[in-house]
Amino acid sequence: MSRAILASLFLTATLTAAASVAAAQETSPVRWHVMGGYSETLGSTRDYLQGGYMFGGGLSITPSRYSPLDVRFDFTYSAHQATNNLLNLGQQAANTQVDNGTGSFWSGTGNLVYHVPLAYGVRAYGIAGAGVYHARVELTQYDSYGGYYYCDPFSGFCDIGASSTLVSSSGVTKFGWNAGLGVEFDLPYGRAWFIEARYHRITTDKPIEYLPISIGYRF
């Protein structure tokens, strides 16, 4: 058998295998995703925490290849700096100096996603669901006595750096819900990228509200 025939057979087998892998990726009912972006606080939450950042990931399950409905599970983290208002309130409550503060939200949610085609390879979608949220706030003060000595070798400048001492912290785990809209852009082999805005509400005594605007990649 000539080398040309062997090469042709090898190329055919390779292309067939690649096509099989691509088809499997396109028809797989499970797709993973990662995402990240900006997280804006809303309502009374804005009085205590500034806008921050978020990142997360999860997976989607499609009942059938042509179904417009997905079941999606997300795990996300959102971090925010405290406002001056929160720092002042913490300082009054603790009766000591408060220099810095942070707030964070962890969430694990189950959601339904409904897709609507807009153009070839472009789909809008609505998403809504519920899950468990953990909110935590920490207030700290700078501690120059417990700091460290450092020098800049390029400028020759030396100083004492300040460490932080925890003044107070509190955390709560509650149920919450979310709803939002997004647009998804298909890529080859079943992959896609998306942008979405999703409102989250944690059902504490005074509801915690925030709105992440994220860009993600689905594979």
N, C-alpha and C. Protein backbone atom coordinates (compact mmCIF):
# COMPACT_ATOMS: atom_id res chain seq x y z
N MET A 1 0.85 -1.20 0.00
CA MET A 1 0.00 0.00 0.00
C MET A 1 0.89 1.24 0.00
N SER A 2 0.64 2.17 -0.89
CA SER A 2 1.51 3.33 -1.04
C SER A 2 1.37 4.28 0.13
N ARG A 3 2.38 5.14 0.27
CA ARG A 3 2.37 6.12 1.35
C ARG A 3 1.21 7.10 1.18
N ALA A 4 0.85 7.43 -0.05
CA ALA A 4 -0.24 8.37 -0.31
C ALA A 4 -1.56 7.82 0.22
N ILE A 5 -1.76 6.49 -0.03
CA ILE A 5 -3.01 5.87 0.43
C ILE A 5 -3.03 5.83 1.96
N LEU A 6 -1.88 5.47 2.57
CA LEU A 6 -1.80 5.44 4.03
C LEU A 6 -2.06 6.82 4.63
N ALA A 7 -1.47 7.84 4.00
CA ALA A 7 -1.66 9.20 4.49
C ALA A 7 -3.12 9.62 4.38
N SER A 8 -3.77 9.22 3.27
CA SER A 8 -5.19 9.55 3.08
C SER A 8 -6.06 8.89 4.13
N LEU A 9 -5.75 7.60 4.40
CA LEU A 9 -6.52 6.89 5.42
C LEU A 9 -6.31 7.50 6.81
N PHE A 10 -5.07 7.87 7.11
CA PHE A 10 -4.78 8.49 8.40
C PHE A 10 -5.49 9.82 8.54
N LEU A 11 -5.49 10.64 7.48
CA LEU A 11 -6.16 11.94 7.51
C LEU A 11 -7.66 11.77 7.68
N THR A 12 -8.23 10.78 6.97
CA THR A 12 -9.67 10.52 7.08
C THR A 12 -10.05 10.11 8.50
N ALA A 13 -9.23 9.23 9.09
CA ALA A 13 -9.50 8.77 10.45
C ALA A 13 -9.41 9.92 11.45
N THR A 14 -8.42 10.78 11.26
CA THR A 14 -8.23 11.94 12.15
C THR A 14 -9.41 12.88 12.09
N LEU A 15 -9.84 13.20 10.85
CA LEU A 15 -10.97 14.11 10.68
C LEU A 15 -12.26 13.51 11.24
N THR A 16 -12.42 12.19 11.06
CA THR A 16 -13.61 11.53 11.59
C THR A 16 -13.63 11.59 13.11
N ALA A 17 -12.48 11.35 13.72
CA ALA A 17 -12.39 11.42 15.19
C ALA A 17 -12.66 12.82 15.68
N ALA A 18 -12.08 13.83 14.99
CA ALA A 18 -12.30 15.22 15.39
C ALA A 18 -13.77 15.61 15.27
N ALA A 19 -14.41 15.14 14.19
CA ALA A 19 -15.83 15.45 14.00
C ALA A 19 -16.67 14.79 15.09
N SER A 20 -16.28 13.57 15.49
CA SER A 20 -17.02 12.88 16.55
C SER A 20 -16.90 13.62 17.87
N VAL A 21 -15.69 14.10 18.18
CA VAL A 21 -15.48 14.86 19.41
C VAL A 21 -16.29 16.15 19.39
N ALA A 22 -16.24 16.86 18.24
CA ALA A 22 -16.99 18.11 18.12
C ALA A 22 -18.48 17.87 18.28
N ALA A 23 -18.98 16.79 17.65
CA ALA A 23 -20.42 16.48 17.76
C ALA A 23 -20.78 16.15 19.19
N ALA A 24 -19.90 15.40 19.88
CA ALA A 24 -20.17 15.07 21.27
C ALA A 24 -20.22 16.31 22.14
N GLN A 25 -19.31 17.27 21.86
CA GLN A 25 -19.30 18.51 22.63
C GLN A 25 -20.57 19.31 22.37
N GLU A 26 -21.01 19.33 21.10
CA GLU A 26 -22.18 20.12 20.75
C GLU A 26 -23.45 19.54 21.35
N THR A 27 -23.52 18.20 21.46
CA THR A 27 -24.76 17.56 21.92
C THR A 27 -24.71 17.21 23.40
N SER A 28 -23.62 17.44 24.09
CA SER A 28 -23.53 17.12 25.51
C SER A 28 -24.58 17.90 26.29
N PRO A 29 -25.33 17.22 27.17
CA PRO A 29 -26.35 17.93 27.93
C PRO A 29 -25.79 18.80 29.04
N VAL A 30 -24.51 18.60 29.39
CA VAL A 30 -23.88 19.35 30.48
C VAL A 30 -22.83 20.30 29.93
N ARG A 31 -22.92 21.55 30.31
CA ARG A 31 -21.94 22.55 29.90
C ARG A 31 -21.50 23.35 31.13
N TRP A 32 -20.22 23.59 31.24
CA TRP A 32 -19.67 24.33 32.38
C TRP A 32 -19.49 25.79 32.01
N HIS A 33 -19.38 26.65 33.00
CA HIS A 33 -19.14 28.07 32.72
C HIS A 33 -18.39 28.73 33.86
N VAL A 34 -17.67 29.79 33.51
CA VAL A 34 -17.01 30.66 34.46
C VAL A 34 -17.41 32.10 34.12
N MET A 35 -17.38 32.98 35.11
CA MET A 35 -17.81 34.35 34.87
C MET A 35 -17.21 35.28 35.91
N GLY A 36 -17.21 36.57 35.58
CA GLY A 36 -16.71 37.58 36.50
C GLY A 36 -17.11 38.96 36.03
N GLY A 37 -17.11 39.92 36.95
CA GLY A 37 -17.48 41.27 36.56
C GLY A 37 -17.67 42.19 37.75
N TYR A 38 -18.50 43.20 37.55
CA TYR A 38 -18.75 44.24 38.55
C TYR A 38 -20.03 43.93 39.31
N SER A 39 -20.05 44.23 40.60
CA SER A 39 -21.22 43.97 41.43
C SER A 39 -21.65 45.27 42.11
N GLU A 40 -22.84 45.75 41.77
CA GLU A 40 -23.37 47.00 42.32
C GLU A 40 -24.34 46.70 43.46
N THR A 41 -24.21 47.42 44.57
CA THR A 41 -25.16 47.27 45.66
C THR A 41 -26.38 48.15 45.41
N LEU A 42 -27.53 47.71 45.93
CA LEU A 42 -28.79 48.40 45.68
C LEU A 42 -29.53 48.64 46.99
N GLY A 43 -30.55 49.52 46.94
CA GLY A 43 -31.40 49.75 48.09
C GLY A 43 -30.63 50.21 49.31
N SER A 44 -31.05 49.73 50.47
CA SER A 44 -30.39 50.12 51.71
C SER A 44 -28.99 49.52 51.82
N THR A 45 -28.72 48.44 51.08
CA THR A 45 -27.37 47.84 51.10
C THR A 45 -26.34 48.84 50.62
N ARG A 46 -26.74 49.75 49.72
CA ARG A 46 -25.84 50.77 49.19
C ARG A 46 -25.37 51.73 50.28
N ASP A 47 -26.14 51.86 51.35
CA ASP A 47 -25.75 52.75 52.45
C ASP A 47 -24.56 52.20 53.22
N TYR A 48 -24.31 50.90 53.11
CA TYR A 48 -23.28 50.28 53.92
C TYR A 48 -22.12 49.69 53.13
N LEU A 49 -22.38 49.32 51.88
CA LEU A 49 -21.34 48.70 51.07
C LEU A 49 -21.28 49.34 49.69
N GLN A 50 -20.06 49.56 49.20
CA GLN A 50 -19.86 50.13 47.87
C GLN A 50 -19.94 49.04 46.80
N GLY A 51 -19.94 49.47 45.54
CA GLY A 51 -19.84 48.53 44.45
C GLY A 51 -18.52 47.79 44.51
N GLY A 52 -18.49 46.54 44.06
CA GLY A 52 -17.28 45.74 44.13
C GLY A 52 -17.12 44.84 42.92
N TYR A 53 -16.60 43.66 43.15
CA TYR A 53 -16.39 42.73 42.06
C TYR A 53 -16.99 41.38 42.41
N MET A 54 -17.20 40.54 41.39
CA MET A 54 -17.72 39.20 41.60
C MET A 54 -17.06 38.22 40.62
N PHE A 55 -17.03 36.97 41.02
CA PHE A 55 -16.62 35.91 40.11
C PHE A 55 -17.32 34.62 40.55
N GLY A 56 -17.38 33.68 39.63
CA GLY A 56 -18.05 32.44 39.96
C GLY A 56 -18.01 31.46 38.81
N GLY A 57 -18.78 30.41 38.95
CA GLY A 57 -18.84 29.38 37.93
C GLY A 57 -19.97 28.42 38.22
N GLY A 58 -20.09 27.42 37.37
CA GLY A 58 -21.16 26.45 37.57
C GLY A 58 -21.36 25.59 36.34
N LEU A 59 -22.56 25.06 36.21
CA LEU A 59 -22.87 24.19 35.08
C LEU A 59 -24.33 24.34 34.68
N SER A 60 -24.60 24.03 33.43
CA SER A 60 -25.96 24.04 32.89
C SER A 60 -26.29 22.66 32.34
N ILE A 61 -27.54 22.24 32.50
CA ILE A 61 -28.01 20.96 31.98
C ILE A 61 -29.16 21.24 31.02
N THR A 62 -29.03 20.80 29.78
CA THR A 62 -30.07 20.99 28.77
C THR A 62 -30.83 19.68 28.58
N PRO A 63 -32.15 19.66 28.81
CA PRO A 63 -32.91 18.40 28.69
C PRO A 63 -32.79 17.74 27.32
N SER A 64 -32.79 18.55 26.24
CA SER A 64 -32.63 18.02 24.89
C SER A 64 -31.91 19.06 24.04
N ARG A 65 -31.39 18.63 22.90
CA ARG A 65 -30.54 19.50 22.08
C ARG A 65 -31.26 20.77 21.64
N TYR A 66 -32.55 20.66 21.34
CA TYR A 66 -33.27 21.81 20.81
C TYR A 66 -34.17 22.48 21.86
N SER A 67 -34.01 22.10 23.11
CA SER A 67 -34.84 22.70 24.16
C SER A 67 -34.40 24.13 24.45
N PRO A 68 -35.34 25.07 24.57
CA PRO A 68 -34.97 26.45 24.93
C PRO A 68 -34.73 26.61 26.42
N LEU A 69 -34.98 25.54 27.18
CA LEU A 69 -34.91 25.62 28.64
C LEU A 69 -33.69 24.88 29.17
N ASP A 70 -32.94 25.55 30.05
CA ASP A 70 -31.80 24.95 30.74
C ASP A 70 -32.05 24.97 32.24
N VAL A 71 -31.44 24.01 32.94
CA VAL A 71 -31.34 24.06 34.40
C VAL A 71 -29.89 24.43 34.71
N ARG A 72 -29.70 25.49 35.48
CA ARG A 72 -28.35 26.02 35.70
C ARG A 72 -28.05 26.15 37.19
N PHE A 73 -26.85 25.74 37.57
CA PHE A 73 -26.38 25.84 38.96
C PHE A 73 -25.18 26.78 39.00
N ASP A 74 -25.24 27.75 39.91
CA ASP A 74 -24.18 28.75 40.02
C ASP A 74 -23.62 28.80 41.43
N PHE A 75 -22.30 29.03 41.50
CA PHE A 75 -21.62 29.28 42.77
C PHE A 75 -20.83 30.58 42.58
N THR A 76 -21.16 31.62 43.34
CA THR A 76 -20.55 32.92 43.11
C THR A 76 -20.06 33.56 44.41
N TYR A 77 -19.12 34.49 44.25
CA TYR A 77 -18.57 35.26 45.36
C TYR A 77 -18.54 36.72 44.94
N SER A 78 -19.01 37.60 45.83
CA SER A 78 -19.04 39.04 45.56
C SER A 78 -18.39 39.77 46.73
N ALA A 79 -17.46 40.68 46.46
CA ALA A 79 -16.73 41.39 47.51
C ALA A 79 -16.91 42.90 47.37
N HIS A 80 -17.07 43.58 48.51
CA HIS A 80 -17.37 45.01 48.52
C HIS A 80 -16.63 45.70 49.66
N GLN A 81 -16.26 46.96 49.43
CA GLN A 81 -15.68 47.79 50.48
C GLN A 81 -16.79 48.49 51.25
N ALA A 82 -16.55 48.73 52.55
CA ALA A 82 -17.53 49.41 53.38
C ALA A 82 -17.60 50.90 53.02
N THR A 83 -18.76 51.50 53.19
CA THR A 83 -18.92 52.94 53.01
C THR A 83 -18.48 53.66 54.29
N ASN A 84 -18.30 54.97 54.19
CA ASN A 84 -17.96 55.75 55.38
C ASN A 84 -19.07 55.66 56.42
N ASN A 85 -20.30 55.56 55.96
CA ASN A 85 -21.43 55.44 56.88
C ASN A 85 -21.29 54.18 57.75
N LEU A 86 -20.94 53.05 57.14
CA LEU A 86 -20.77 51.82 57.90
C LEU A 86 -19.58 51.93 58.86
N LEU A 87 -18.50 52.55 58.40
CA LEU A 87 -17.33 52.71 59.27
C LEU A 87 -17.68 53.55 60.50
N ASN A 88 -18.44 54.62 60.29
CA ASN A 88 -18.84 55.48 61.42
C ASN A 88 -19.76 54.74 62.38
N LEU A 89 -20.71 53.98 61.83
CA LEU A 89 -21.62 53.21 62.69
C LEU A 89 -20.85 52.15 63.49
N GLY A 90 -19.90 51.49 62.83
CA GLY A 90 -19.10 50.49 63.52
C GLY A 90 -18.24 51.09 64.61
N GLN A 91 -17.70 52.27 64.33
CA GLN A 91 -16.87 52.95 65.31
C GLN A 91 -17.68 53.34 66.55
N GLN A 92 -18.91 53.81 66.33
CA GLN A 92 -19.77 54.17 67.45
C GLN A 92 -20.17 52.94 68.26
N ALA A 93 -20.50 51.85 67.56
CA ALA A 93 -20.94 50.64 68.26
C ALA A 93 -19.81 49.99 69.05
N ALA A 94 -18.60 49.97 68.49
CA ALA A 94 -17.47 49.32 69.14
C ALA A 94 -16.73 50.26 70.08
N ASN A 95 -17.03 51.57 69.98
CA ASN A 95 -16.37 52.58 70.81
C ASN A 95 -14.85 52.53 70.65
N THR A 96 -14.43 52.33 69.41
CA THR A 96 -13.01 52.33 69.08
C THR A 96 -12.85 52.72 67.62
N GLN A 97 -11.63 53.02 67.24
CA GLN A 97 -11.39 53.48 65.87
C GLN A 97 -11.61 52.35 64.88
N VAL A 98 -12.28 52.68 63.78
CA VAL A 98 -12.48 51.75 62.67
C VAL A 98 -11.96 52.41 61.39
N ASP A 99 -11.00 51.79 60.73
CA ASP A 99 -10.36 52.39 59.56
C ASP A 99 -10.80 51.77 58.23
N ASN A 100 -11.24 50.54 58.29
CA ASN A 100 -11.56 49.85 57.03
C ASN A 100 -12.63 48.79 57.29
N GLY A 101 -13.31 48.41 56.22
CA GLY A 101 -14.33 47.38 56.35
C GLY A 101 -14.62 46.74 55.01
N THR A 102 -15.07 45.50 55.06
CA THR A 102 -15.40 44.77 53.83
C THR A 102 -16.69 43.99 54.05
N GLY A 103 -17.38 43.72 52.96
CA GLY A 103 -18.54 42.86 52.98
C GLY A 103 -18.44 41.86 51.84
N SER A 104 -18.92 40.66 52.05
CA SER A 104 -18.84 39.63 51.01
C SER A 104 -20.10 38.80 51.02
N PHE A 105 -20.44 38.29 49.83
CA PHE A 105 -21.62 37.44 49.65
C PHE A 105 -21.21 36.18 48.89
N TRP A 106 -21.44 35.03 49.52
CA TRP A 106 -21.29 33.74 48.85
C TRP A 106 -22.67 33.23 48.49
N SER A 107 -22.80 32.56 47.36
CA SER A 107 -24.11 32.02 47.00
C SER A 107 -23.97 30.71 46.24
N GLY A 108 -24.94 29.84 46.47
CA GLY A 108 -25.10 28.61 45.69
C GLY A 108 -26.56 28.53 45.28
N THR A 109 -26.84 28.64 43.99
CA THR A 109 -28.22 28.75 43.53
C THR A 109 -28.54 27.75 42.42
N GLY A 110 -29.81 27.37 42.35
CA GLY A 110 -30.34 26.59 41.24
C GLY A 110 -31.30 27.47 40.46
N ASN A 111 -31.20 27.46 39.12
CA ASN A 111 -31.94 28.42 38.31
C ASN A 111 -32.52 27.75 37.05
N LEU A 112 -33.58 28.36 36.54
CA LEU A 112 -34.12 27.99 35.24
C LEU A 112 -33.76 29.09 34.24
N VAL A 113 -33.34 28.70 33.05
CA VAL A 113 -32.93 29.64 32.01
C VAL A 113 -33.76 29.37 30.76
N TYR A 114 -34.37 30.41 30.22
CA TYR A 114 -35.17 30.26 28.99
C TYR A 114 -34.54 31.11 27.90
N HIS A 115 -34.19 30.47 26.78
CA HIS A 115 -33.51 31.13 25.67
C HIS A 115 -34.48 31.54 24.57
N VAL A 116 -34.21 32.70 23.96
CA VAL A 116 -34.99 33.19 22.83
C VAL A 116 -34.02 33.59 21.71
N PRO A 117 -34.08 32.95 20.54
CA PRO A 117 -33.16 33.29 19.44
C PRO A 117 -33.36 34.74 18.97
N LEU A 118 -32.25 35.44 18.74
CA LEU A 118 -32.30 36.80 18.20
C LEU A 118 -31.80 36.83 16.77
N ALA A 119 -30.74 36.09 16.50
CA ALA A 119 -30.14 36.00 15.17
C ALA A 119 -29.33 34.71 15.15
N TYR A 120 -28.73 34.41 14.01
CA TYR A 120 -27.95 33.19 13.92
C TYR A 120 -26.79 33.25 14.93
N GLY A 121 -26.75 32.30 15.84
CA GLY A 121 -25.68 32.22 16.82
C GLY A 121 -25.82 33.18 17.99
N VAL A 122 -26.94 33.89 18.08
CA VAL A 122 -27.14 34.86 19.17
C VAL A 122 -28.49 34.58 19.83
N ARG A 123 -28.48 34.43 21.15
CA ARG A 123 -29.71 34.17 21.88
C ARG A 123 -29.79 35.06 23.12
N ALA A 124 -30.97 35.62 23.36
CA ALA A 124 -31.24 36.29 24.62
C ALA A 124 -31.80 35.26 25.59
N TYR A 125 -31.67 35.52 26.88
CA TYR A 125 -32.25 34.59 27.84
C TYR A 125 -32.66 35.30 29.12
N GLY A 126 -33.66 34.73 29.75
CA GLY A 126 -34.07 35.15 31.08
C GLY A 126 -33.69 34.06 32.07
N ILE A 127 -33.28 34.46 33.27
CA ILE A 127 -32.85 33.50 34.28
C ILE A 127 -33.45 33.87 35.62
N ALA A 128 -33.89 32.88 36.38
CA ALA A 128 -34.45 33.11 37.71
C ALA A 128 -34.25 31.86 38.54
N GLY A 129 -34.05 32.05 39.83
CA GLY A 129 -33.86 30.90 40.71
C GLY A 129 -33.72 31.31 42.16
N ALA A 130 -33.35 30.35 42.99
CA ALA A 130 -33.22 30.58 44.43
C ALA A 130 -32.10 29.70 44.96
N GLY A 131 -31.66 30.00 46.18
CA GLY A 131 -30.59 29.22 46.77
C GLY A 131 -30.20 29.72 48.13
N VAL A 132 -29.02 29.31 48.56
CA VAL A 132 -28.49 29.66 49.88
C VAL A 132 -27.41 30.72 49.72
N TYR A 133 -27.48 31.76 50.57
CA TYR A 133 -26.52 32.85 50.54
C TYR A 133 -25.87 33.02 51.92
N HIS A 134 -24.60 33.37 51.92
CA HIS A 134 -23.90 33.71 53.17
C HIS A 134 -23.32 35.11 53.03
N ALA A 135 -23.74 36.02 53.91
CA ALA A 135 -23.26 37.40 53.91
C ALA A 135 -22.38 37.62 55.14
N ARG A 136 -21.25 38.31 54.94
CA ARG A 136 -20.33 38.55 56.05
C ARG A 136 -19.77 39.97 55.96
N VAL A 137 -19.66 40.62 57.09
CA VAL A 137 -19.09 41.97 57.18
C VAL A 137 -17.97 41.96 58.22
N GLU A 138 -16.83 42.56 57.89
CA GLU A 138 -15.72 42.68 58.82
C GLU A 138 -15.25 44.13 58.87
N LEU A 139 -14.99 44.62 60.10
CA LEU A 139 -14.47 45.97 60.31
C LEU A 139 -13.11 45.85 61.00
N THR A 140 -12.15 46.63 60.52
CA THR A 140 -10.79 46.55 61.04
C THR A 140 -10.23 47.92 61.34
N GLN A 141 -9.15 47.94 62.11
CA GLN A 141 -8.40 49.17 62.37
C GLN A 141 -6.93 48.91 62.11
N TYR A 142 -6.21 49.94 61.69
CA TYR A 142 -4.79 49.80 61.43
C TYR A 142 -4.03 49.73 62.74
N ASP A 143 -3.04 48.87 62.79
CA ASP A 143 -2.25 48.65 64.00
C ASP A 143 -0.78 48.88 63.66
N SER A 144 -0.32 50.09 63.88
CA SER A 144 1.07 50.41 63.54
C SER A 144 2.05 49.71 64.47
N TYR A 145 1.64 49.39 65.69
CA TYR A 145 2.54 48.73 66.64
C TYR A 145 2.79 47.27 66.25
N GLY A 146 1.82 46.71 65.56
CA GLY A 146 1.99 45.32 65.13
C GLY A 146 2.39 45.26 63.67
N GLY A 147 2.96 46.34 63.17
CA GLY A 147 3.27 46.41 61.75
C GLY A 147 4.61 45.80 61.41
N TYR A 148 5.16 46.22 60.28
CA TYR A 148 6.39 45.65 59.79
C TYR A 148 7.23 46.77 59.18
N TYR A 149 8.54 46.55 59.16
CA TYR A 149 9.49 47.54 58.64
C TYR A 149 9.87 47.15 57.22
N TYR A 150 9.78 48.10 56.29
CA TYR A 150 10.11 47.78 54.91
C TYR A 150 10.88 48.93 54.28
N CYS A 151 11.68 48.61 53.25
CA CYS A 151 12.45 49.61 52.53
C CYS A 151 12.31 49.37 51.02
N ASP A 152 12.28 50.45 50.27
CA ASP A 152 12.27 50.40 48.82
C ASP A 152 13.71 50.44 48.33
N PRO A 153 14.23 49.35 47.74
CA PRO A 153 15.65 49.33 47.34
C PRO A 153 15.97 50.30 46.22
N PHE A 154 14.97 50.79 45.49
CA PHE A 154 15.23 51.69 44.37
C PHE A 154 15.29 53.15 44.81
N SER A 155 14.44 53.51 45.78
CA SER A 155 14.42 54.91 46.23
C SER A 155 15.18 55.11 47.53
N GLY A 156 15.42 54.00 48.27
CA GLY A 156 16.07 54.13 49.56
C GLY A 156 15.11 54.54 50.66
N PHE A 157 13.80 54.65 50.37
CA PHE A 157 12.81 55.08 51.35
C PHE A 157 12.44 53.91 52.26
N CYS A 158 12.39 54.15 53.57
CA CYS A 158 12.03 53.13 54.53
C CYS A 158 10.89 53.64 55.41
N ASP A 159 10.03 52.73 55.84
CA ASP A 159 8.90 53.13 56.68
C ASP A 159 8.37 51.90 57.41
N ILE A 160 7.41 52.15 58.30
CA ILE A 160 6.76 51.08 59.04
C ILE A 160 5.39 50.85 58.43
N GLY A 161 5.13 49.66 57.97
CA GLY A 161 3.83 49.34 57.40
C GLY A 161 2.86 48.92 58.50
N ALA A 162 1.59 49.24 58.31
CA ALA A 162 0.58 48.94 59.32
C ALA A 162 -0.15 47.65 58.99
N SER A 163 -0.32 46.81 59.99
CA SER A 163 -1.16 45.64 59.85
C SER A 163 -2.57 45.99 60.31
N SER A 164 -3.49 45.06 60.20
CA SER A 164 -4.88 45.33 60.56
C SER A 164 -5.31 44.44 61.72
N THR A 165 -6.10 45.01 62.61
CA THR A 165 -6.68 44.28 63.72
C THR A 165 -8.19 44.22 63.54
N LEU A 166 -8.76 43.05 63.68
CA LEU A 166 -10.20 42.89 63.51
C LEU A 166 -10.93 43.53 64.69
N VAL A 167 -11.83 44.47 64.39
CA VAL A 167 -12.62 45.14 65.42
C VAL A 167 -13.92 44.38 65.66
N SER A 168 -14.61 44.05 64.59
CA SER A 168 -15.86 43.29 64.72
C SER A 168 -16.15 42.57 63.43
N SER A 169 -16.93 41.52 63.52
CA SER A 169 -17.35 40.77 62.34
C SER A 169 -18.71 40.13 62.61
N SER A 170 -19.45 39.93 61.56
CA SER A 170 -20.74 39.26 61.69
C SER A 170 -21.05 38.56 60.38
N GLY A 171 -21.75 37.45 60.47
CA GLY A 171 -22.12 36.70 59.27
C GLY A 171 -23.48 36.07 59.46
N VAL A 172 -24.15 35.85 58.35
CA VAL A 172 -25.48 35.25 58.39
C VAL A 172 -25.69 34.42 57.13
N THR A 173 -26.34 33.28 57.28
CA THR A 173 -26.67 32.42 56.15
C THR A 173 -28.18 32.36 56.00
N LYS A 174 -28.67 32.73 54.82
CA LYS A 174 -30.11 32.81 54.58
C LYS A 174 -30.42 32.34 53.17
N PHE A 175 -31.69 32.05 52.94
CA PHE A 175 -32.15 31.79 51.59
C PHE A 175 -32.30 33.12 50.85
N GLY A 176 -32.22 33.05 49.54
CA GLY A 176 -32.41 34.23 48.71
C GLY A 176 -32.86 33.82 47.32
N TRP A 177 -33.10 34.80 46.50
CA TRP A 177 -33.53 34.52 45.13
C TRP A 177 -32.88 35.50 44.18
N ASN A 178 -32.93 35.19 42.89
CA ASN A 178 -32.30 36.04 41.88
C ASN A 178 -33.08 35.97 40.59
N ALA A 179 -32.94 37.01 39.77
CA ALA A 179 -33.56 37.05 38.45
C ALA A 179 -32.78 38.01 37.58
N GLY A 180 -32.69 37.70 36.28
CA GLY A 180 -31.94 38.58 35.40
C GLY A 180 -32.12 38.26 33.94
N LEU A 181 -31.35 38.99 33.12
CA LEU A 181 -31.39 38.85 31.67
C LEU A 181 -29.96 38.75 31.14
N GLY A 182 -29.82 38.10 29.99
CA GLY A 182 -28.50 37.99 29.39
C GLY A 182 -28.58 37.77 27.90
N VAL A 183 -27.42 37.83 27.26
CA VAL A 183 -27.28 37.55 25.83
C VAL A 183 -26.11 36.59 25.66
N GLU A 184 -26.31 35.54 24.86
CA GLU A 184 -25.31 34.52 24.64
C GLU A 184 -24.90 34.48 23.17
N PHE A 185 -23.59 34.39 22.92
CA PHE A 185 -23.04 34.37 21.56
C PHE A 185 -22.32 33.04 21.34
N ASP A 186 -22.82 32.26 20.41
CA ASP A 186 -22.27 30.93 20.16
C ASP A 186 -20.87 31.00 19.57
N LEU A 187 -20.04 30.03 19.96
CA LEU A 187 -18.71 29.81 19.42
C LEU A 187 -18.64 28.37 18.89
N PRO A 188 -17.61 28.03 18.13
CA PRO A 188 -17.52 26.66 17.59
C PRO A 188 -17.49 25.60 18.69
N TYR A 189 -17.91 24.38 18.33
CA TYR A 189 -17.85 23.20 19.18
C TYR A 189 -18.68 23.34 20.45
N GLY A 190 -19.83 24.01 20.36
CA GLY A 190 -20.74 24.08 21.49
C GLY A 190 -20.36 25.07 22.56
N ARG A 191 -19.32 25.84 22.33
CA ARG A 191 -18.90 26.84 23.31
C ARG A 191 -19.64 28.15 23.07
N ALA A 192 -19.58 29.06 24.05
CA ALA A 192 -20.26 30.35 23.90
C ALA A 192 -19.69 31.32 24.92
N TRP A 193 -19.87 32.60 24.64
CA TRP A 193 -19.61 33.60 25.68
C TRP A 193 -20.89 34.38 25.90
N PHE A 194 -21.03 34.95 27.09
CA PHE A 194 -22.29 35.60 27.43
C PHE A 194 -22.04 36.81 28.33
N ILE A 195 -23.01 37.69 28.33
CA ILE A 195 -23.02 38.83 29.24
C ILE A 195 -24.39 38.88 29.89
N GLU A 196 -24.43 39.09 31.21
CA GLU A 196 -25.71 39.08 31.90
C GLU A 196 -25.71 40.03 33.08
N ALA A 197 -26.91 40.49 33.44
CA ALA A 197 -27.13 41.30 34.64
C ALA A 197 -28.17 40.56 35.47
N ARG A 198 -27.87 40.33 36.75
CA ARG A 198 -28.77 39.52 37.57
C ARG A 198 -28.93 40.13 38.96
N TYR A 199 -30.16 40.39 39.31
CA TYR A 199 -30.51 40.94 40.61
C TYR A 199 -30.56 39.82 41.66
N HIS A 200 -29.90 40.05 42.82
CA HIS A 200 -29.93 39.10 43.92
C HIS A 200 -30.53 39.76 45.16
N ARG A 201 -31.34 39.01 45.89
CA ARG A 201 -31.96 39.51 47.11
C ARG A 201 -31.85 38.44 48.19
N ILE A 202 -31.16 38.76 49.28
CA ILE A 202 -31.00 37.86 50.41
C ILE A 202 -32.05 38.23 51.45
N THR A 203 -32.79 37.25 51.93
CA THR A 203 -33.95 37.52 52.77
C THR A 203 -33.56 37.65 54.25
N THR A 204 -32.69 38.60 54.56
CA THR A 204 -32.39 38.96 55.94
C THR A 204 -33.48 39.91 56.43
N ASP A 205 -33.41 40.29 57.74
CA ASP A 205 -34.43 41.19 58.30
C ASP A 205 -34.52 42.48 57.50
N LYS A 206 -33.37 43.02 57.16
CA LYS A 206 -33.31 44.14 56.21
C LYS A 206 -32.69 43.56 54.94
N PRO A 207 -33.48 43.31 53.88
CA PRO A 207 -32.98 42.58 52.71
C PRO A 207 -31.68 43.15 52.14
N ILE A 208 -30.78 42.24 51.78
CA ILE A 208 -29.53 42.61 51.11
C ILE A 208 -29.76 42.47 49.61
N GLU A 209 -29.44 43.54 48.88
CA GLU A 209 -29.69 43.56 47.44
C GLU A 209 -28.42 43.95 46.69
N TYR A 210 -28.12 43.22 45.63
CA TYR A 210 -26.98 43.59 44.79
C TYR A 210 -27.20 43.07 43.37
N LEU A 211 -26.50 43.70 42.42
CA LEU A 211 -26.72 43.43 41.00
C LEU A 211 -25.38 43.23 40.31
N PRO A 212 -24.91 41.98 40.17
CA PRO A 212 -23.70 41.73 39.40
C PRO A 212 -23.95 41.86 37.89
N ILE A 213 -23.02 42.49 37.20
CA ILE A 213 -23.03 42.55 35.73
C ILE A 213 -21.77 41.82 35.28
N SER A 214 -21.93 40.67 34.66
CA SER A 214 -20.79 39.79 34.44
C SER A 214 -20.66 39.38 32.98
N ILE A 215 -19.44 39.00 32.63
CA ILE A 215 -19.13 38.41 31.34
C ILE A 215 -18.63 36.99 31.62
N GLY A 216 -19.13 36.03 30.84
CA GLY A 216 -18.77 34.64 31.11
C GLY A 216 -18.43 33.86 29.86
N TYR A 217 -17.88 32.68 30.09
CA TYR A 217 -17.51 31.77 29.02
C TYR A 217 -18.08 30.40 29.34
N ARG A 218 -18.82 29.84 28.40
CA ARG A 218 -19.46 28.54 28.57
C ARG A 218 -18.78 27.52 27.66
N PHE A 219 -18.50 26.34 28.20
CA PHE A 219 -17.76 25.33 27.43
C PHE A 219 -18.25 23.93 27.75
